Amino acid sequence: MKGFVPLASQPLPARAGAAGHRAYEDLQALLTGSLLAALGIVLLGQAGLLAGGTVGLALLLNYATGLDLSLAMLVINTPFYALACLRMGREFTLKTLAAVALAALFVHLLPKGIAFAHLSPVLAAILGGLLAGMGMLVLFRHRASLGGVNVVVLYLHDKLGWSVGKVQMLLDGAILLGGGLLVGDLARTASSLLAVVVLNLVLAVNHRPGRYNGTNARGPG
């Protein structure tokens, strides 16, 4: 969940944002974005839902093997760091490593502080998708991601100008379809699809050319 953005009109304008953001601003963005995304992931996991991207793969690994979800997130993301370093640069890779580690930590800690006696799958899908999407958006705007599919999507956006939200939705849909076939639960798959749509709508609507370039550190971005 994935997960997960520079602007199309100027190749990877988040590079400009890297110059405009101060270190403490990047730090708060990593903490805030990772926490929001982690809370969304926890909601999806508590409801037994699937997701797209590496988050979806991590959830599937968690459901299938019982491996702790936070550890599953770290394991699934490992192969993508090489692409991030080669194609997106050292700064992006380091921030992504930090974001994934923080998100995994929060996914591990949050269930110790919150519990749900009842959680509607539909509500979990909507809230989980919104929170994860907003968390990813915060990370994207500070030249970071949650790794995995996010890295591929950002690379395609940088090189080809493809829409982040649309490409992410296509990849998430493919992963979700495979997960749905494996799980074999139609209602669960439908709620999971809702979460993927909500998450990617957040990205598609809010991460658009000219909407944000991060060049003004004092601006509202």
N, C-alpha and C. Protein backbone atom coordinates (compact mmCIF):
# COMPACT_ATOMS: atom_id res chain seq x y z
N MET A 1 0.87 -1.09 0.00
CA MET A 1 0.00 0.00 0.00
C MET A 1 0.89 1.11 0.00
N LYS A 2 0.26 0.31 -0.53
CA LYS A 2 0.78 1.04 -0.82
C LYS A 2 1.10 2.08 -1.08
N GLY A 3 1.35 2.89 -1.68
CA GLY A 3 1.68 3.40 -1.27
C GLY A 3 3.08 5.11 -2.06
N PHE A 4 1.24 4.42 -2.13
CA PHE A 4 2.00 5.80 -2.36
C PHE A 4 2.35 7.13 -3.59
N VAL A 5 5.51 12.30 -4.11
CA VAL A 5 5.12 12.17 -5.48
C VAL A 5 5.39 13.48 -6.18
N PRO A 6 6.49 13.60 -6.88
CA PRO A 6 6.84 14.80 -7.60
C PRO A 6 5.82 15.15 -8.66
N LEU A 7 5.93 16.31 -9.24
CA LEU A 7 4.92 16.83 -10.14
C LEU A 7 5.27 16.57 -11.59
N ALA A 8 4.23 16.53 -12.44
CA ALA A 8 4.43 16.08 -13.81
C ALA A 8 5.01 17.14 -14.72
N SER A 9 4.69 18.39 -14.52
CA SER A 9 5.10 19.42 -15.47
C SER A 9 6.59 19.68 -15.43
N GLN A 10 7.26 19.39 -14.34
CA GLN A 10 8.70 19.57 -14.23
C GLN A 10 9.26 18.31 -13.60
N PRO A 11 10.18 17.62 -14.28
CA PRO A 11 10.63 16.31 -13.81
C PRO A 11 11.04 16.34 -12.35
N LEU A 12 10.35 15.53 -11.59
CA LEU A 12 10.62 15.33 -10.18
C LEU A 12 10.84 16.64 -9.44
N PRO A 13 9.83 17.57 -9.42
CA PRO A 13 10.02 18.82 -8.75
C PRO A 13 10.29 18.67 -7.27
N ALA A 14 10.07 17.46 -6.74
CA ALA A 14 10.41 17.28 -5.33
C ALA A 14 11.88 17.53 -5.09
N ARG A 15 12.70 17.47 -6.15
CA ARG A 15 14.10 17.84 -5.98
C ARG A 15 14.22 19.29 -5.59
N ALA A 16 13.38 20.12 -6.21
CA ALA A 16 13.36 21.52 -5.82
C ALA A 16 12.91 21.66 -4.39
N GLY A 17 11.92 20.79 -4.02
CA GLY A 17 11.42 20.81 -2.66
C GLY A 17 12.49 20.45 -1.66
N ALA A 18 13.41 19.55 -2.07
CA ALA A 18 14.48 19.15 -1.16
C ALA A 18 15.34 20.35 -0.80
N ALA A 19 15.52 21.29 -1.77
CA ALA A 19 16.31 22.47 -1.49
C ALA A 19 15.54 23.45 -0.63
N GLY A 20 14.21 23.45 -0.76
CA GLY A 20 13.39 24.42 -0.05
C GLY A 20 13.02 24.00 1.35
N HIS A 21 13.00 22.70 1.64
CA HIS A 21 12.62 22.22 2.96
C HIS A 21 13.83 22.20 3.89
N ARG A 22 13.63 22.71 5.07
CA ARG A 22 14.68 22.63 6.09
C ARG A 22 14.70 21.22 6.69
N ALA A 23 15.80 20.91 7.37
CA ALA A 23 15.97 19.56 7.93
C ALA A 23 14.85 19.22 8.91
N TYR A 24 14.46 20.17 9.77
CA TYR A 24 13.42 19.86 10.75
C TYR A 24 12.06 19.68 10.07
N GLU A 25 11.87 20.35 8.92
CA GLU A 25 10.62 20.16 8.18
C GLU A 25 10.56 18.77 7.57
N ASP A 26 11.68 18.30 7.02
CA ASP A 26 11.73 16.94 6.50
C ASP A 26 11.51 15.92 7.62
N LEU A 27 12.08 16.18 8.78
CA LEU A 27 11.93 15.26 9.91
C LEU A 27 10.48 15.15 10.34
N GLN A 28 9.81 16.30 10.49
CA GLN A 28 8.41 16.24 10.91
C GLN A 28 7.55 15.58 9.83
N ALA A 29 7.91 15.76 8.56
CA ALA A 29 7.16 15.13 7.49
C ALA A 29 7.33 13.62 7.52
N LEU A 30 8.56 13.15 7.77
CA LEU A 30 8.79 11.71 7.86
C LEU A 30 8.01 11.10 9.02
N LEU A 31 8.02 11.79 10.16
CA LEU A 31 7.30 11.29 11.33
C LEU A 31 5.79 11.31 11.09
N THR A 32 5.29 12.44 10.60
CA THR A 32 3.85 12.59 10.39
C THR A 32 3.33 11.68 9.30
N GLY A 33 4.01 11.67 8.15
CA GLY A 33 3.57 10.83 7.04
C GLY A 33 3.61 9.35 7.39
N SER A 34 4.69 8.93 8.06
CA SER A 34 4.81 7.52 8.44
C SER A 34 3.75 7.11 9.46
N LEU A 35 3.45 8.02 10.41
CA LEU A 35 2.44 7.72 11.43
C LEU A 35 1.05 7.62 10.82
N LEU A 36 0.70 8.56 9.95
CA LEU A 36 -0.61 8.52 9.29
C LEU A 36 -0.76 7.24 8.46
N ALA A 37 0.27 6.94 7.67
CA ALA A 37 0.22 5.74 6.85
C ALA A 37 0.12 4.48 7.70
N ALA A 38 0.89 4.45 8.79
CA ALA A 38 0.87 3.28 9.68
C ALA A 38 -0.50 3.08 10.30
N LEU A 39 -1.14 4.17 10.71
CA LEU A 39 -2.48 4.05 11.29
C LEU A 39 -3.46 3.50 10.27
N GLY A 40 -3.33 3.96 9.02
CA GLY A 40 -4.18 3.41 7.96
C GLY A 40 -3.93 1.93 7.75
N ILE A 41 -2.67 1.53 7.76
CA ILE A 41 -2.32 0.12 7.58
C ILE A 41 -2.85 -0.73 8.73
N VAL A 42 -2.75 -0.21 9.95
CA VAL A 42 -3.26 -0.94 11.11
C VAL A 42 -4.77 -1.14 11.00
N LEU A 43 -5.49 -0.10 10.57
CA LEU A 43 -6.93 -0.23 10.39
C LEU A 43 -7.27 -1.32 9.38
N LEU A 44 -6.55 -1.34 8.27
CA LEU A 44 -6.78 -2.37 7.25
C LEU A 44 -6.47 -3.76 7.81
N GLY A 45 -5.37 -3.86 8.54
CA GLY A 45 -5.00 -5.15 9.11
C GLY A 45 -5.98 -5.63 10.17
N GLN A 46 -6.45 -4.70 11.02
CA GLN A 46 -7.42 -5.06 12.07
C GLN A 46 -8.72 -5.59 11.46
N ALA A 47 -9.08 -5.05 10.28
CA ALA A 47 -10.31 -5.48 9.63
C ALA A 47 -10.09 -6.68 8.72
N GLY A 48 -8.85 -7.15 8.63
CA GLY A 48 -8.55 -8.31 7.80
C GLY A 48 -8.62 -8.03 6.32
N LEU A 49 -8.37 -6.77 5.94
CA LEU A 49 -8.47 -6.38 4.54
C LEU A 49 -7.14 -6.52 3.83
N LEU A 50 -7.21 -6.53 2.52
CA LEU A 50 -6.03 -6.53 1.67
C LEU A 50 -5.73 -5.10 1.24
N ALA A 51 -4.64 -4.94 0.51
CA ALA A 51 -4.29 -3.61 0.00
C ALA A 51 -3.44 -3.80 -1.23
N GLY A 52 -3.06 -2.68 -1.85
CA GLY A 52 -2.18 -2.76 -3.00
C GLY A 52 -0.74 -2.53 -2.59
N GLY A 53 0.16 -2.55 -3.56
CA GLY A 53 1.55 -2.23 -3.31
C GLY A 53 2.22 -3.21 -2.37
N THR A 54 3.37 -2.79 -1.85
CA THR A 54 4.11 -3.65 -0.93
C THR A 54 3.38 -3.80 0.40
N VAL A 55 2.53 -2.82 0.74
CA VAL A 55 1.71 -2.97 1.95
C VAL A 55 0.78 -4.17 1.78
N GLY A 56 0.17 -4.28 0.60
CA GLY A 56 -0.70 -5.42 0.33
C GLY A 56 0.05 -6.73 0.38
N LEU A 57 1.27 -6.73 -0.19
CA LEU A 57 2.09 -7.94 -0.12
C LEU A 57 2.47 -8.27 1.31
N ALA A 58 2.77 -7.23 2.10
CA ALA A 58 3.10 -7.46 3.51
C ALA A 58 1.91 -8.01 4.28
N LEU A 59 0.72 -7.47 4.00
CA LEU A 59 -0.49 -7.97 4.66
C LEU A 59 -0.73 -9.44 4.29
N LEU A 60 -0.55 -9.77 3.01
CA LEU A 60 -0.72 -11.15 2.58
C LEU A 60 0.28 -12.07 3.28
N LEU A 61 1.52 -11.61 3.38
CA LEU A 61 2.55 -12.39 4.07
C LEU A 61 2.18 -12.58 5.54
N ASN A 62 1.64 -11.53 6.15
CA ASN A 62 1.21 -11.60 7.55
C ASN A 62 0.07 -12.59 7.72
N TYR A 63 -0.93 -12.52 6.83
CA TYR A 63 -2.08 -13.43 6.93
C TYR A 63 -1.67 -14.88 6.68
N ALA A 64 -0.76 -15.07 5.70
CA ALA A 64 -0.41 -16.43 5.29
C ALA A 64 0.54 -17.13 6.25
N THR A 65 1.46 -16.35 6.84
CA THR A 65 2.50 -16.98 7.67
C THR A 65 2.45 -16.59 9.14
N GLY A 66 1.70 -15.54 9.47
CA GLY A 66 1.68 -15.07 10.84
C GLY A 66 2.87 -14.19 11.19
N LEU A 67 3.72 -13.89 10.20
CA LEU A 67 4.87 -13.00 10.44
C LEU A 67 4.36 -11.62 10.84
N ASP A 68 4.99 -11.04 11.86
CA ASP A 68 4.59 -9.71 12.32
C ASP A 68 4.53 -8.76 11.14
N LEU A 69 3.45 -7.96 11.07
CA LEU A 69 3.23 -7.08 9.93
C LEU A 69 4.37 -6.09 9.74
N SER A 70 4.89 -5.56 10.83
CA SER A 70 5.99 -4.60 10.71
C SER A 70 7.23 -5.25 10.09
N LEU A 71 7.52 -6.50 10.48
CA LEU A 71 8.66 -7.21 9.90
C LEU A 71 8.39 -7.55 8.44
N ALA A 72 7.15 -7.90 8.14
CA ALA A 72 6.79 -8.21 6.76
C ALA A 72 6.99 -7.00 5.86
N MET A 73 6.68 -5.79 6.36
CA MET A 73 6.89 -4.57 5.58
C MET A 73 8.36 -4.37 5.26
N LEU A 74 9.22 -4.62 6.23
CA LEU A 74 10.66 -4.45 6.02
C LEU A 74 11.19 -5.47 5.02
N VAL A 75 10.74 -6.72 5.13
CA VAL A 75 11.21 -7.78 4.24
C VAL A 75 10.77 -7.52 2.81
N ILE A 76 9.51 -7.19 2.61
CA ILE A 76 8.97 -7.00 1.26
C ILE A 76 9.66 -5.84 0.55
N ASN A 77 10.02 -4.79 1.29
CA ASN A 77 10.59 -3.60 0.66
C ASN A 77 12.05 -3.74 0.26
N THR A 78 12.75 -4.72 0.81
CA THR A 78 14.19 -4.83 0.61
C THR A 78 14.64 -4.78 -0.85
N PRO A 79 14.02 -5.55 -1.78
CA PRO A 79 14.52 -5.55 -3.17
C PRO A 79 14.39 -4.20 -3.88
N PHE A 80 13.54 -3.33 -3.41
CA PHE A 80 13.27 -2.09 -4.12
C PHE A 80 14.27 -0.97 -3.79
N TYR A 81 15.05 -1.16 -2.75
CA TYR A 81 15.97 -0.09 -2.38
C TYR A 81 17.08 0.11 -3.42
N ALA A 82 17.48 -0.97 -4.09
CA ALA A 82 18.50 -0.84 -5.13
C ALA A 82 18.01 0.06 -6.26
N LEU A 83 16.76 -0.15 -6.71
CA LEU A 83 16.18 0.71 -7.75
C LEU A 83 16.11 2.14 -7.27
N ALA A 84 15.69 2.32 -6.03
CA ALA A 84 15.58 3.68 -5.49
C ALA A 84 16.93 4.38 -5.51
N CYS A 85 17.97 3.68 -5.13
CA CYS A 85 19.30 4.28 -5.06
C CYS A 85 19.84 4.58 -6.46
N LEU A 86 19.63 3.65 -7.39
CA LEU A 86 20.16 3.81 -8.74
C LEU A 86 19.41 4.87 -9.54
N ARG A 87 18.10 4.91 -9.38
CA ARG A 87 17.28 5.75 -10.25
C ARG A 87 16.77 7.03 -9.59
N MET A 88 16.63 7.06 -8.28
CA MET A 88 16.02 8.21 -7.62
C MET A 88 17.00 9.00 -6.76
N GLY A 89 18.21 8.46 -6.57
CA GLY A 89 19.22 9.21 -5.84
C GLY A 89 19.34 8.81 -4.37
N ARG A 90 20.47 9.20 -3.79
CA ARG A 90 20.77 8.80 -2.41
C ARG A 90 19.82 9.44 -1.41
N GLU A 91 19.50 10.73 -1.61
CA GLU A 91 18.62 11.41 -0.65
C GLU A 91 17.26 10.74 -0.58
N PHE A 92 16.67 10.47 -1.75
CA PHE A 92 15.37 9.81 -1.80
C PHE A 92 15.44 8.45 -1.11
N THR A 93 16.51 7.70 -1.40
CA THR A 93 16.65 6.35 -0.84
C THR A 93 16.76 6.39 0.68
N LEU A 94 17.58 7.30 1.20
CA LEU A 94 17.75 7.39 2.65
C LEU A 94 16.46 7.80 3.34
N LYS A 95 15.76 8.77 2.75
CA LYS A 95 14.49 9.19 3.35
C LYS A 95 13.46 8.06 3.28
N THR A 96 13.47 7.30 2.19
CA THR A 96 12.54 6.18 2.06
C THR A 96 12.85 5.09 3.07
N LEU A 97 14.14 4.80 3.25
CA LEU A 97 14.53 3.84 4.29
C LEU A 97 14.03 4.28 5.65
N ALA A 98 14.19 5.57 5.95
CA ALA A 98 13.73 6.10 7.24
C ALA A 98 12.22 6.00 7.35
N ALA A 99 11.50 6.35 6.27
CA ALA A 99 10.04 6.33 6.30
C ALA A 99 9.51 4.91 6.49
N VAL A 100 10.09 3.95 5.78
CA VAL A 100 9.64 2.56 5.91
C VAL A 100 9.93 2.04 7.32
N ALA A 101 11.11 2.36 7.84
CA ALA A 101 11.46 1.92 9.20
C ALA A 101 10.52 2.52 10.23
N LEU A 102 10.22 3.82 10.08
CA LEU A 102 9.30 4.47 11.01
C LEU A 102 7.89 3.89 10.90
N ALA A 103 7.44 3.70 9.67
CA ALA A 103 6.09 3.14 9.47
C ALA A 103 6.00 1.75 10.08
N ALA A 104 7.04 0.93 9.88
CA ALA A 104 7.05 -0.42 10.46
C ALA A 104 7.03 -0.36 11.98
N LEU A 105 7.79 0.58 12.55
CA LEU A 105 7.79 0.75 14.00
C LEU A 105 6.42 1.16 14.52
N PHE A 106 5.79 2.11 13.84
CA PHE A 106 4.47 2.56 14.26
C PHE A 106 3.42 1.45 14.10
N VAL A 107 3.54 0.67 13.02
CA VAL A 107 2.61 -0.46 12.83
C VAL A 107 2.74 -1.45 13.98
N HIS A 108 3.94 -1.60 14.48
CA HIS A 108 4.17 -2.51 15.62
C HIS A 108 3.63 -1.94 16.93
N LEU A 109 3.79 -0.62 17.11
CA LEU A 109 3.44 0.00 18.39
C LEU A 109 1.97 0.39 18.50
N LEU A 110 1.36 0.82 17.41
CA LEU A 110 0.00 1.35 17.49
C LEU A 110 -1.01 0.36 18.08
N PRO A 111 -0.99 -0.93 17.71
CA PRO A 111 -1.96 -1.87 18.29
C PRO A 111 -1.82 -2.01 19.81
N LYS A 112 -0.66 -1.61 20.35
CA LYS A 112 -0.49 -1.67 21.80
C LYS A 112 -1.18 -0.51 22.49
N GLY A 113 -1.51 0.54 21.72
CA GLY A 113 -2.15 1.71 22.30
C GLY A 113 -3.60 1.89 21.92
N ILE A 114 -4.04 1.23 20.85
CA ILE A 114 -5.44 1.34 20.43
C ILE A 114 -5.97 -0.06 20.11
N ALA A 115 -7.24 -0.26 20.38
CA ALA A 115 -7.88 -1.53 20.07
C ALA A 115 -9.32 -1.26 19.65
N PHE A 116 -9.87 -2.15 18.85
CA PHE A 116 -11.22 -1.97 18.33
C PHE A 116 -12.07 -3.17 18.70
N ALA A 117 -13.12 -2.91 19.47
CA ALA A 117 -14.05 -3.98 19.80
C ALA A 117 -14.86 -4.36 18.58
N HIS A 118 -15.16 -3.37 17.74
CA HIS A 118 -15.87 -3.62 16.49
C HIS A 118 -15.36 -2.65 15.45
N LEU A 119 -15.04 -3.16 14.27
CA LEU A 119 -14.54 -2.33 13.18
C LEU A 119 -15.18 -2.77 11.88
N SER A 120 -16.05 -1.93 11.35
CA SER A 120 -16.71 -2.25 10.08
C SER A 120 -15.67 -2.29 8.96
N PRO A 121 -15.68 -3.34 8.14
CA PRO A 121 -14.73 -3.42 7.03
C PRO A 121 -14.83 -2.24 6.08
N VAL A 122 -16.06 -1.77 5.83
CA VAL A 122 -16.24 -0.63 4.93
C VAL A 122 -15.64 0.64 5.53
N LEU A 123 -15.91 0.87 6.82
CA LEU A 123 -15.34 2.04 7.48
C LEU A 123 -13.82 1.94 7.56
N ALA A 124 -13.32 0.74 7.85
CA ALA A 124 -11.87 0.53 7.89
C ALA A 124 -11.25 0.81 6.53
N ALA A 125 -11.95 0.41 5.46
CA ALA A 125 -11.44 0.64 4.11
C ALA A 125 -11.36 2.13 3.80
N ILE A 126 -12.40 2.88 4.18
CA ILE A 126 -12.43 4.31 3.89
C ILE A 126 -11.40 5.06 4.72
N LEU A 127 -11.43 4.85 6.03
CA LEU A 127 -10.49 5.55 6.92
C LEU A 127 -9.05 5.10 6.66
N GLY A 128 -8.86 3.79 6.49
CA GLY A 128 -7.52 3.28 6.22
C GLY A 128 -6.95 3.83 4.92
N GLY A 129 -7.79 3.86 3.88
CA GLY A 129 -7.34 4.40 2.60
C GLY A 129 -7.02 5.88 2.67
N LEU A 130 -7.88 6.64 3.36
CA LEU A 130 -7.64 8.08 3.50
C LEU A 130 -6.36 8.36 4.27
N LEU A 131 -6.18 7.69 5.41
CA LEU A 131 -5.01 7.93 6.25
C LEU A 131 -3.71 7.51 5.54
N ALA A 132 -3.73 6.34 4.93
CA ALA A 132 -2.54 5.88 4.21
C ALA A 132 -2.22 6.80 3.04
N GLY A 133 -3.26 7.22 2.31
CA GLY A 133 -3.05 8.12 1.18
C GLY A 133 -2.47 9.46 1.61
N MET A 134 -3.02 10.04 2.68
CA MET A 134 -2.51 11.32 3.16
C MET A 134 -1.09 11.18 3.69
N GLY A 135 -0.82 10.06 4.36
CA GLY A 135 0.54 9.84 4.84
C GLY A 135 1.54 9.74 3.71
N MET A 136 1.18 9.01 2.65
CA MET A 136 2.05 8.89 1.49
C MET A 136 2.24 10.23 0.81
N LEU A 137 1.18 11.02 0.73
CA LEU A 137 1.26 12.34 0.10
C LEU A 137 2.26 13.23 0.84
N VAL A 138 2.20 13.22 2.17
CA VAL A 138 3.16 14.00 2.97
C VAL A 138 4.59 13.55 2.66
N LEU A 139 4.81 12.24 2.60
CA LEU A 139 6.15 11.73 2.32
C LEU A 139 6.60 12.11 0.92
N PHE A 140 5.71 11.97 -0.07
CA PHE A 140 6.07 12.29 -1.45
C PHE A 140 6.52 13.74 -1.57
N ARG A 141 5.83 14.63 -0.86
CA ARG A 141 6.14 16.06 -0.98
C ARG A 141 7.46 16.43 -0.33
N HIS A 142 8.03 15.50 0.42
CA HIS A 142 9.34 15.74 1.03
C HIS A 142 10.36 14.74 0.49
N ARG A 143 10.13 14.31 -0.74
CA ARG A 143 11.05 13.41 -1.44
C ARG A 143 11.36 12.15 -0.66
N ALA A 144 10.29 11.45 -0.32
CA ALA A 144 10.40 10.16 0.35
C ALA A 144 9.21 9.32 -0.09
N SER A 145 9.19 8.07 0.32
CA SER A 145 8.07 7.20 -0.02
C SER A 145 8.02 6.05 0.99
N LEU A 146 7.05 5.17 0.81
CA LEU A 146 7.00 3.96 1.63
C LEU A 146 7.64 2.78 0.92
N GLY A 147 8.46 3.08 -0.09
CA GLY A 147 9.21 2.04 -0.78
C GLY A 147 8.36 1.24 -1.76
N GLY A 148 8.91 0.14 -2.22
CA GLY A 148 8.20 -0.79 -3.07
C GLY A 148 7.61 -0.16 -4.32
N VAL A 149 6.31 -0.35 -4.49
CA VAL A 149 5.61 0.15 -5.66
C VAL A 149 5.72 1.67 -5.74
N ASN A 150 5.76 2.35 -4.60
CA ASN A 150 5.94 3.80 -4.60
C ASN A 150 7.17 4.20 -5.40
N VAL A 151 8.26 3.46 -5.24
CA VAL A 151 9.50 3.77 -5.94
C VAL A 151 9.30 3.65 -7.45
N VAL A 152 8.65 2.56 -7.88
CA VAL A 152 8.40 2.34 -9.30
C VAL A 152 7.51 3.45 -9.86
N VAL A 153 6.46 3.78 -9.12
CA VAL A 153 5.51 4.80 -9.57
C VAL A 153 6.19 6.17 -9.69
N LEU A 154 6.99 6.53 -8.69
CA LEU A 154 7.69 7.80 -8.72
C LEU A 154 8.70 7.85 -9.86
N TYR A 155 9.35 6.72 -10.14
CA TYR A 155 10.30 6.67 -11.24
C TYR A 155 9.59 6.89 -12.57
N LEU A 156 8.47 6.23 -12.78
CA LEU A 156 7.70 6.40 -14.01
C LEU A 156 7.19 7.82 -14.14
N HIS A 157 6.81 8.41 -13.01
CA HIS A 157 6.35 9.79 -13.02
C HIS A 157 7.49 10.73 -13.41
N ASP A 158 8.65 10.48 -12.85
CA ASP A 158 9.83 11.32 -13.12
C ASP A 158 10.24 11.23 -14.59
N LYS A 159 10.32 10.02 -15.13
CA LYS A 159 10.85 9.81 -16.47
C LYS A 159 9.81 10.01 -17.57
N LEU A 160 8.56 9.62 -17.30
CA LEU A 160 7.55 9.64 -18.36
C LEU A 160 6.40 10.60 -18.10
N GLY A 161 6.35 11.17 -16.89
CA GLY A 161 5.28 12.09 -16.57
C GLY A 161 3.94 11.40 -16.34
N TRP A 162 3.95 10.10 -16.07
CA TRP A 162 2.69 9.37 -15.86
C TRP A 162 2.06 9.77 -14.54
N SER A 163 0.73 9.79 -14.51
CA SER A 163 0.00 10.16 -13.31
C SER A 163 0.30 9.19 -12.17
N VAL A 164 0.71 9.75 -11.04
CA VAL A 164 1.03 8.93 -9.87
C VAL A 164 -0.18 8.12 -9.41
N GLY A 165 -1.32 8.80 -9.24
CA GLY A 165 -2.51 8.13 -8.73
C GLY A 165 -3.00 7.03 -9.66
N LYS A 166 -2.99 7.31 -10.98
CA LYS A 166 -3.51 6.33 -11.94
C LYS A 166 -2.62 5.10 -12.05
N VAL A 167 -1.31 5.33 -12.12
CA VAL A 167 -0.39 4.20 -12.21
C VAL A 167 -0.42 3.38 -10.93
N GLN A 168 -0.45 4.09 -9.78
CA GLN A 168 -0.52 3.40 -8.50
C GLN A 168 -1.79 2.56 -8.42
N MET A 169 -2.90 3.10 -8.92
CA MET A 169 -4.17 2.37 -8.85
C MET A 169 -4.12 1.12 -9.72
N LEU A 170 -3.51 1.22 -10.90
CA LEU A 170 -3.42 0.05 -11.78
C LEU A 170 -2.58 -1.06 -11.13
N LEU A 171 -1.43 -0.68 -10.59
CA LEU A 171 -0.58 -1.67 -9.94
C LEU A 171 -1.24 -2.24 -8.69
N ASP A 172 -1.87 -1.37 -7.91
CA ASP A 172 -2.56 -1.83 -6.71
C ASP A 172 -3.70 -2.79 -7.08
N GLY A 173 -4.42 -2.45 -8.15
CA GLY A 173 -5.52 -3.30 -8.58
C GLY A 173 -5.05 -4.69 -8.96
N ALA A 174 -3.91 -4.75 -9.65
CA ALA A 174 -3.36 -6.04 -10.06
C ALA A 174 -2.96 -6.87 -8.83
N ILE A 175 -2.32 -6.23 -7.87
CA ILE A 175 -1.91 -6.93 -6.65
C ILE A 175 -3.13 -7.37 -5.85
N LEU A 176 -4.12 -6.49 -5.78
CA LEU A 176 -5.34 -6.81 -5.04
C LEU A 176 -6.10 -7.96 -5.68
N LEU A 177 -6.12 -7.98 -7.01
CA LEU A 177 -6.80 -9.08 -7.72
C LEU A 177 -6.14 -10.41 -7.40
N GLY A 178 -4.80 -10.42 -7.45
CA GLY A 178 -4.08 -11.64 -7.10
C GLY A 178 -4.33 -12.06 -5.67
N GLY A 179 -4.34 -11.07 -4.73
CA GLY A 179 -4.62 -11.38 -3.34
C GLY A 179 -6.03 -11.88 -3.13
N GLY A 180 -6.98 -11.28 -3.86
CA GLY A 180 -8.38 -11.71 -3.75
C GLY A 180 -8.57 -13.14 -4.21
N LEU A 181 -7.89 -13.50 -5.30
CA LEU A 181 -7.98 -14.87 -5.79
C LEU A 181 -7.38 -15.85 -4.79
N LEU A 182 -6.32 -15.41 -4.12
CA LEU A 182 -5.68 -16.27 -3.12
C LEU A 182 -6.55 -16.43 -1.88
N VAL A 183 -7.15 -15.32 -1.42
CA VAL A 183 -7.97 -15.36 -0.21
C VAL A 183 -9.33 -16.00 -0.48
N GLY A 184 -9.92 -15.66 -1.63
CA GLY A 184 -11.19 -16.27 -2.00
C GLY A 184 -12.39 -15.76 -1.21
N ASP A 185 -12.33 -14.53 -0.70
CA ASP A 185 -13.42 -13.95 0.07
C ASP A 185 -13.90 -12.71 -0.67
N LEU A 186 -15.08 -12.80 -1.31
CA LEU A 186 -15.56 -11.73 -2.18
C LEU A 186 -15.84 -10.45 -1.40
N ALA A 187 -16.50 -10.55 -0.24
CA ALA A 187 -16.83 -9.36 0.55
C ALA A 187 -15.56 -8.66 1.04
N ARG A 188 -14.62 -9.45 1.47
CA ARG A 188 -13.34 -8.90 1.95
C ARG A 188 -12.58 -8.22 0.81
N THR A 189 -12.62 -8.86 -0.36
CA THR A 189 -11.93 -8.29 -1.52
C THR A 189 -12.60 -7.00 -1.96
N ALA A 190 -13.94 -6.94 -1.89
CA ALA A 190 -14.65 -5.73 -2.28
C ALA A 190 -14.30 -4.56 -1.36
N SER A 191 -14.26 -4.81 -0.06
CA SER A 191 -13.87 -3.75 0.88
C SER A 191 -12.43 -3.33 0.67
N SER A 192 -11.58 -4.29 0.35
CA SER A 192 -10.18 -3.98 0.08
C SER A 192 -10.05 -3.11 -1.17
N LEU A 193 -10.85 -3.41 -2.18
CA LEU A 193 -10.84 -2.60 -3.39
C LEU A 193 -11.26 -1.17 -3.09
N LEU A 194 -12.23 -1.01 -2.22
CA LEU A 194 -12.66 0.33 -1.81
C LEU A 194 -11.50 1.09 -1.17
N ALA A 195 -10.74 0.43 -0.33
CA ALA A 195 -9.59 1.07 0.32
C ALA A 195 -8.56 1.52 -0.71
N VAL A 196 -8.30 0.67 -1.71
CA VAL A 196 -7.34 1.00 -2.75
C VAL A 196 -7.81 2.20 -3.56
N VAL A 197 -9.10 2.23 -3.89
CA VAL A 197 -9.65 3.35 -4.66
C VAL A 197 -9.56 4.65 -3.87
N VAL A 198 -9.94 4.60 -2.60
CA VAL A 198 -9.88 5.80 -1.76
C VAL A 198 -8.45 6.31 -1.65
N LEU A 199 -7.52 5.42 -1.37
CA LEU A 199 -6.11 5.82 -1.23
C LEU A 199 -5.60 6.50 -2.50
N ASN A 200 -5.87 5.88 -3.64
CA ASN A 200 -5.34 6.42 -4.89
C ASN A 200 -6.06 7.66 -5.36
N LEU A 201 -7.30 7.83 -4.97
CA LEU A 201 -7.99 9.08 -5.26
C LEU A 201 -7.34 10.24 -4.50
N VAL A 202 -6.93 9.97 -3.27
CA VAL A 202 -6.21 11.00 -2.49
C VAL A 202 -4.97 11.45 -3.24
N LEU A 203 -4.22 10.48 -3.79
CA LEU A 203 -3.00 10.82 -4.53
C LEU A 203 -3.32 11.51 -5.85
N ALA A 204 -4.29 10.97 -6.58
CA ALA A 204 -4.59 11.52 -7.90
C ALA A 204 -5.14 12.94 -7.82
N VAL A 205 -5.94 13.22 -6.80
CA VAL A 205 -6.56 14.54 -6.68
C VAL A 205 -5.60 15.57 -6.10
N ASN A 206 -4.78 15.15 -5.16
CA ASN A 206 -3.95 16.11 -4.43
C ASN A 206 -2.53 16.26 -4.97
N HIS A 207 -2.05 15.28 -5.71
CA HIS A 207 -0.71 15.40 -6.27
C HIS A 207 -0.83 15.65 -7.76
N ARG A 208 -0.92 16.92 -8.15
CA ARG A 208 -1.15 17.29 -9.54
C ARG A 208 -0.13 18.34 -9.98
N PRO A 209 0.14 18.40 -11.30
CA PRO A 209 1.10 19.38 -11.81
C PRO A 209 0.75 20.80 -11.37
N GLY A 210 1.75 21.52 -10.87
CA GLY A 210 1.52 22.91 -10.48
C GLY A 210 0.89 23.08 -9.12
N ARG A 211 0.41 22.01 -8.50
CA ARG A 211 -0.25 22.11 -7.21
C ARG A 211 0.74 22.41 -6.09
N TYR A 212 1.95 21.87 -6.26
CA TYR A 212 2.94 21.99 -5.18
C TYR A 212 4.32 21.79 -5.76
N ASN A 213 5.28 22.65 -5.39
CA ASN A 213 6.64 22.41 -5.85
C ASN A 213 7.65 22.47 -4.72
N GLY A 214 7.20 22.81 -3.51
CA GLY A 214 8.05 22.70 -2.35
C GLY A 214 9.21 23.69 -2.35
N THR A 215 9.20 24.73 -3.22
CA THR A 215 10.35 25.63 -3.30
C THR A 215 10.35 26.67 -2.21
N ASN A 216 9.20 26.88 -1.56
CA ASN A 216 9.13 27.90 -0.52
C ASN A 216 9.00 27.21 0.83
N ALA A 217 10.03 27.25 1.60
CA ALA A 217 10.01 26.53 2.89
C ALA A 217 8.99 27.11 3.84
N ARG A 218 8.62 28.36 3.64
CA ARG A 218 7.63 28.95 4.54
C ARG A 218 6.22 28.85 4.01
N GLY A 219 6.07 28.24 2.83
CA GLY A 219 4.75 28.17 2.22
C GLY A 219 3.87 27.16 2.92
N PRO A 220 2.61 27.02 2.45
CA PRO A 220 1.66 26.15 3.11
C PRO A 220 1.85 24.69 2.76
N GLY A 221 2.80 24.36 1.85
CA GLY A 221 2.95 22.95 1.43
C GLY A 221 3.43 22.07 2.53
